C-alpha atoms as a PDB file:
ATOM      1  CA  UNK A   1      -5.386   7.723   5.161  1.00  0.00           C
ATOM      2  CA  UNK A   2      -1.890   8.376   6.645  1.00  0.00           C
ATOM      3  CA  UNK A   3      -0.618   5.982   9.010  1.00  0.00           C
ATOM      4  CA  UNK A   4      -0.255   6.828  12.976  1.00  0.00           C
ATOM      5  CA  UNK A   5       3.548   5.753  12.540  1.00  0.00           C
ATOM      6  CA  UNK A   6       3.873   8.104   9.400  1.00  0.00           C
ATOM      7  CA  UNK A   7       1.907  11.253  11.193  1.00  0.00           C
ATOM      8  CA  UNK A   8       4.592  10.726  14.037  1.00  0.00           C
ATOM      9  CA  UNK A   9       7.529  10.147  12.157  1.00  0.00           C
ATOM     10  CA  UNK A  10       7.071  13.460   9.681  1.00  0.00           C
ATOM     11  CA  UNK A  11       6.136  15.878  12.519  1.00  0.00           C
ATOM     12  CA  UNK A  12       9.605  14.406  14.476  1.00  0.00           C
ATOM     13  CA  UNK A  13      11.504  14.678  11.461  1.00  0.00           C
ATOM     14  CA  UNK A  14      10.362  18.178  10.065  1.00  0.00           C
ATOM     15  CA  UNK A  15      10.280  20.138  13.591  1.00  0.00           C
ATOM     16  CA  UNK A  16      12.533  17.801  15.704  1.00  0.00           C
ATOM     17  CA  UNK A  17      15.409  17.453  13.320  1.00  0.00           C
ATOM     18  CA  UNK A  18      14.368  13.363  13.376  1.00  0.00           C
ATOM     19  CA  UNK A  19      15.468  11.031  10.586  1.00  0.00           C
ATOM     20  CA  UNK A  20      13.461  11.112   7.427  1.00  0.00           C
ATOM     21  CA  UNK A  21      10.623   8.351   7.860  1.00  0.00           C
ATOM     22  CA  UNK A  22      11.337   6.745   4.573  1.00  0.00           C
ATOM     23  CA  UNK A  23      15.069   6.068   5.154  1.00  0.00           C
ATOM     24  CA  UNK A  24      17.688   6.112   2.485  1.00  0.00           C
ATOM     25  CA  UNK A  25      16.009   4.303  -0.238  1.00  0.00           C
ATOM     26  CA  UNK A  26      12.532   5.138  -0.093  1.00  0.00           C
ATOM     27  CA  UNK A  27      11.173   2.236  -1.863  1.00  0.00           C
ATOM     28  CA  UNK A  28       7.359   1.826  -1.633  1.00  0.00           C
ATOM     29  CA  UNK A  29       5.180  -1.509  -1.704  1.00  0.00           C
ATOM     30  CA  UNK A  30       1.453  -1.901  -1.915  1.00  0.00           C
ATOM     31  CA  UNK A  31      -0.188  -4.750   0.046  1.00  0.00           C
ATOM     32  CA  UNK A  32      -3.626  -6.490  -0.062  1.00  0.00           C
ATOM     33  CA  UNK A  33      -5.781  -6.672   3.090  1.00  0.00           C
ATOM     34  CA  UNK A  34      -8.479  -8.314   4.185  1.00  0.00           C
ATOM     35  CA  UNK A  35      -9.768  -5.611   6.495  1.00  0.00           C
ATOM     36  CA  UNK A  36      -8.417  -2.359   7.254  1.00  0.00           C
ATOM     37  CA  UNK A  37      -5.373  -2.822   9.529  1.00  0.00           C
ATOM     38  CA  UNK A  38      -5.839   0.292  11.323  1.00  0.00           C
ATOM     39  CA  UNK A  39      -3.679   3.465  12.101  1.00  0.00           C
ATOM     40  CA  UNK A  40      -1.180   1.419  14.083  1.00  0.00           C
ATOM     41  CA  UNK A  41      -1.342  -1.656  11.950  1.00  0.00           C
ATOM     42  CA  UNK A  42       1.951  -3.164  10.199  1.00  0.00           C
ATOM     43  CA  UNK A  43       1.938  -4.405   6.637  1.00  0.00           C
ATOM     44  CA  UNK A  44       1.723  -7.827   7.577  1.00  0.00           C
ATOM     45  CA  UNK A  45      -1.624  -7.289   9.773  1.00  0.00           C
ATOM     46  CA  UNK A  46      -4.905  -8.879   8.121  1.00  0.00           C
ATOM     47  CA  UNK A  47      -2.537  -9.203   4.746  1.00  0.00           C
ATOM     48  CA  UNK A  48      -4.201 -11.581   2.431  1.00  0.00           C
ATOM     49  CA  UNK A  49      -2.409 -14.733   1.777  1.00  0.00           C
ATOM     50  CA  UNK A  50      -2.890 -16.765  -1.321  1.00  0.00           C
ATOM     51  CA  UNK A  51      -0.408 -19.038  -3.365  1.00  0.00           C
ATOM     52  CA  UNK A  52       1.731 -17.102  -5.438  1.00  0.00           C
ATOM     53  CA  UNK A  53       1.206 -13.455  -3.364  1.00  0.00           C
ATOM     54  CA  UNK A  54       3.775 -11.149  -2.929  1.00  0.00           C
ATOM     55  CA  UNK A  55       3.567  -7.400  -2.518  1.00  0.00           C
ATOM     56  CA  UNK A  56       3.879  -5.131  -5.565  1.00  0.00           C
ATOM     57  CA  UNK A  57       7.034  -2.904  -5.705  1.00  0.00           C
ATOM     58  CA  UNK A  58       5.748   0.419  -6.719  1.00  0.00           C
ATOM     59  CA  UNK A  59       7.594   2.605  -9.125  1.00  0.00           C
ATOM     60  CA  UNK A  60       9.091   6.121  -7.970  1.00  0.00           C
ATOM     61  CA  UNK A  61      10.292   6.766 -11.503  1.00  0.00           C
ATOM     62  CA  UNK A  62       9.193   9.949 -13.547  1.00  0.00           C
ATOM     63  CA  UNK A  63       5.729   9.478 -14.499  1.00  0.00           C
ATOM     64  CA  UNK A  64       4.583   6.749 -12.296  1.00  0.00           C
ATOM     65  CA  UNK A  65       2.527   9.136  -9.914  1.00  0.00           C
ATOM     66  CA  UNK A  66       0.281  11.740 -10.645  1.00  0.00           C
ATOM     67  CA  UNK A  67      -0.341  14.779  -8.306  1.00  0.00           C
ATOM     68  CA  UNK A  68      -3.525  16.910  -8.111  1.00  0.00           C
ATOM     69  CA  UNK A  69      -3.373  18.999  -5.306  1.00  0.00           C
ATOM     70  CA  UNK A  70      -3.518  16.936  -2.085  1.00  0.00           C
ATOM     71  CA  UNK A  71      -4.526  13.976  -4.329  1.00  0.00           C
ATOM     72  CA  UNK A  72      -1.853  11.537  -5.458  1.00  0.00           C
ATOM     73  CA  UNK A  73      -2.405   8.730  -8.021  1.00  0.00           C
ATOM     74  CA  UNK A  74      -0.317   5.758  -9.132  1.00  0.00           C
ATOM     75  CA  UNK A  75      -0.597   6.457 -13.133  1.00  0.00           C
ATOM     76  CA  UNK A  76       0.347   2.764 -14.174  1.00  0.00           C
ATOM     77  CA  UNK A  77      -1.737  -0.230 -14.052  1.00  0.00           C
ATOM     78  CA  UNK A  78      -0.791  -2.764 -11.085  1.00  0.00           C
ATOM     79  CA  UNK A  79      -0.967  -6.468 -11.497  1.00  0.00           C
ATOM     80  CA  UNK A  80      -0.125  -8.687  -8.490  1.00  0.00           C
ATOM     81  CA  UNK A  81       0.712 -12.406  -9.074  1.00  0.00           C
ATOM     82  CA  UNK A  82      -1.712 -14.614  -9.810  1.00  0.00           C
ATOM     83  CA  UNK A  83      -3.998 -16.660  -7.461  1.00  0.00           C
ATOM     84  CA  UNK A  84      -2.309 -20.309  -7.671  1.00  0.00           C
ATOM     85  CA  UNK A  85      -4.415 -21.536  -5.201  1.00  0.00           C
ATOM     86  CA  UNK A  86      -6.696 -20.570  -2.256  1.00  0.00           C
ATOM     87  CA  UNK A  87      -8.957 -17.501  -2.167  1.00  0.00           C
ATOM     88  CA  UNK A  88      -8.087 -13.684  -0.882  1.00  0.00           C
ATOM     89  CA  UNK A  89     -10.765 -11.077   0.130  1.00  0.00           C
ATOM     90  CA  UNK A  90      -9.858  -7.778  -0.390  1.00  0.00           C
ATOM     91  CA  UNK A  91     -10.751  -4.664   1.272  1.00  0.00           C
ATOM     92  CA  UNK A  92      -8.282  -2.465   1.866  1.00  0.00           C
ATOM     93  CA  UNK A  93      -4.892  -1.501   0.223  1.00  0.00           C
ATOM     94  CA  UNK A  94      -1.771  -0.295   2.196  1.00  0.00           C
ATOM     95  CA  UNK A  95       1.557   1.596   1.007  1.00  0.00           C
ATOM     96  CA  UNK A  96       4.620   0.631   3.039  1.00  0.00           C
ATOM     97  CA  UNK A  97       8.177   0.292   3.016  1.00  0.00           C
ATOM     98  CA  UNK A  98       9.085  -3.506   3.309  1.00  0.00           C
ATOM     99  CA  UNK A  99       8.942  -6.192   0.631  1.00  0.00           C
ATOM    100  CA  UNK A 100       7.770  -8.651   3.021  1.00  0.00           C
ATOM    101  CA  UNK A 101       7.105  -9.017   7.103  1.00  0.00           C
ATOM    102  CA  UNK A 102       5.568  -6.480   9.578  1.00  0.00           C
ATOM    103  CA  UNK A 103       6.856  -3.483   7.635  1.00  0.00           C
ATOM    104  CA  UNK A 104       5.649   0.132   8.905  1.00  0.00           C
ATOM    105  CA  UNK A 105       2.320   0.965   7.101  1.00  0.00           C
ATOM    106  CA  UNK A 106       2.386   4.651   5.443  1.00  0.00           C
ATOM    107  CA  UNK A 107      -1.012   5.078   3.894  1.00  0.00           C
ATOM    108  CA  UNK A 108      -4.040   2.962   3.706  1.00  0.00           C
ATOM    109  CA  UNK A 109      -6.981   3.029   1.498  1.00  0.00           C
ATOM    110  CA  UNK A 110     -10.062   1.316   2.157  1.00  0.00           C
ATOM    111  CA  UNK A 111     -12.100  -0.344  -0.878  1.00  0.00           C
ATOM    112  CA  UNK A 112     -15.645   0.690  -1.125  1.00  0.00           C
ATOM    113  CA  UNK A 113     -16.590  -3.263  -1.596  1.00  0.00           C
ATOM    114  CA  UNK A 114     -14.514  -6.375  -0.812  1.00  0.00           C
ATOM    115  CA  UNK A 115     -13.228  -8.174  -3.832  1.00  0.00           C
ATOM    116  CA  UNK A 116     -12.426 -11.782  -3.847  1.00  0.00           C
ATOM    117  CA  UNK A 117      -9.764 -13.657  -5.743  1.00  0.00           C
ATOM    118  CA  UNK A 118      -9.578 -17.113  -6.287  1.00  0.00           C
ATOM    119  CA  UNK A 119      -7.594 -19.695  -8.205  1.00  0.00           C
ATOM    120  CA  UNK A 120      -6.373 -18.315 -11.659  1.00  0.00           C
ATOM    121  CA  UNK A 121      -7.643 -14.837 -11.179  1.00  0.00           C
ATOM    122  CA  UNK A 122      -5.231 -11.983 -11.098  1.00  0.00           C
ATOM    123  CA  UNK A 123      -5.795  -8.834  -8.791  1.00  0.00           C
ATOM    124  CA  UNK A 124      -5.287  -5.783 -11.178  1.00  0.00           C
ATOM    125  CA  UNK A 125      -5.590  -1.920 -10.178  1.00  0.00           C
ATOM    126  CA  UNK A 126      -6.178   0.167 -12.975  1.00  0.00           C
ATOM    127  CA  UNK A 127      -3.827   3.441 -14.043  1.00  0.00           C
ATOM    128  CA  UNK A 128      -5.291   6.255 -11.758  1.00  0.00           C
ATOM    129  CA  UNK A 129      -7.431   3.835  -9.345  1.00  0.00           C
ATOM    130  CA  UNK A 130      -4.713   3.750  -6.522  1.00  0.00           C
ATOM    131  CA  UNK A 131      -5.445   7.437  -4.836  1.00  0.00           C
ATOM    132  CA  UNK A 132      -3.994   8.498  -1.715  1.00  0.00           C
ATOM    133  CA  UNK A 133      -5.631  11.966  -0.643  1.00  0.00           C
ATOM    134  CA  UNK A 134      -3.629  14.002   2.330  1.00  0.00           C
ATOM    135  CA  UNK A 135      -6.046  15.882   4.495  1.00  0.00           C
END
């Protein structure tokens, strides 16, 4: 689901000549969340926190993404850092522009079921399993 921020920023950019919502670099990061942060949430809203966690830097190199109609999927395996301590229940994935802190969320993807990671477990998302649909 597209965030409220991205919807407004795209309309402003396309039709009113505003700045690009992706800025100059366009680097994207994937974050894990204990629940859906909502359309107006920030990247740190309900973001998980386990020892060793950090956001995953998504590649934008050729072949990293696969576009099919209005669906784009990440074609590479995604491996977050190993859980060194604590526990994290993940119910939502978010794509945003900040490597840390309260950055803007661009897209959210709710999981069908909550997945829990504990010590010595590694959150992994298989190739093509991160899918974003534009409606």
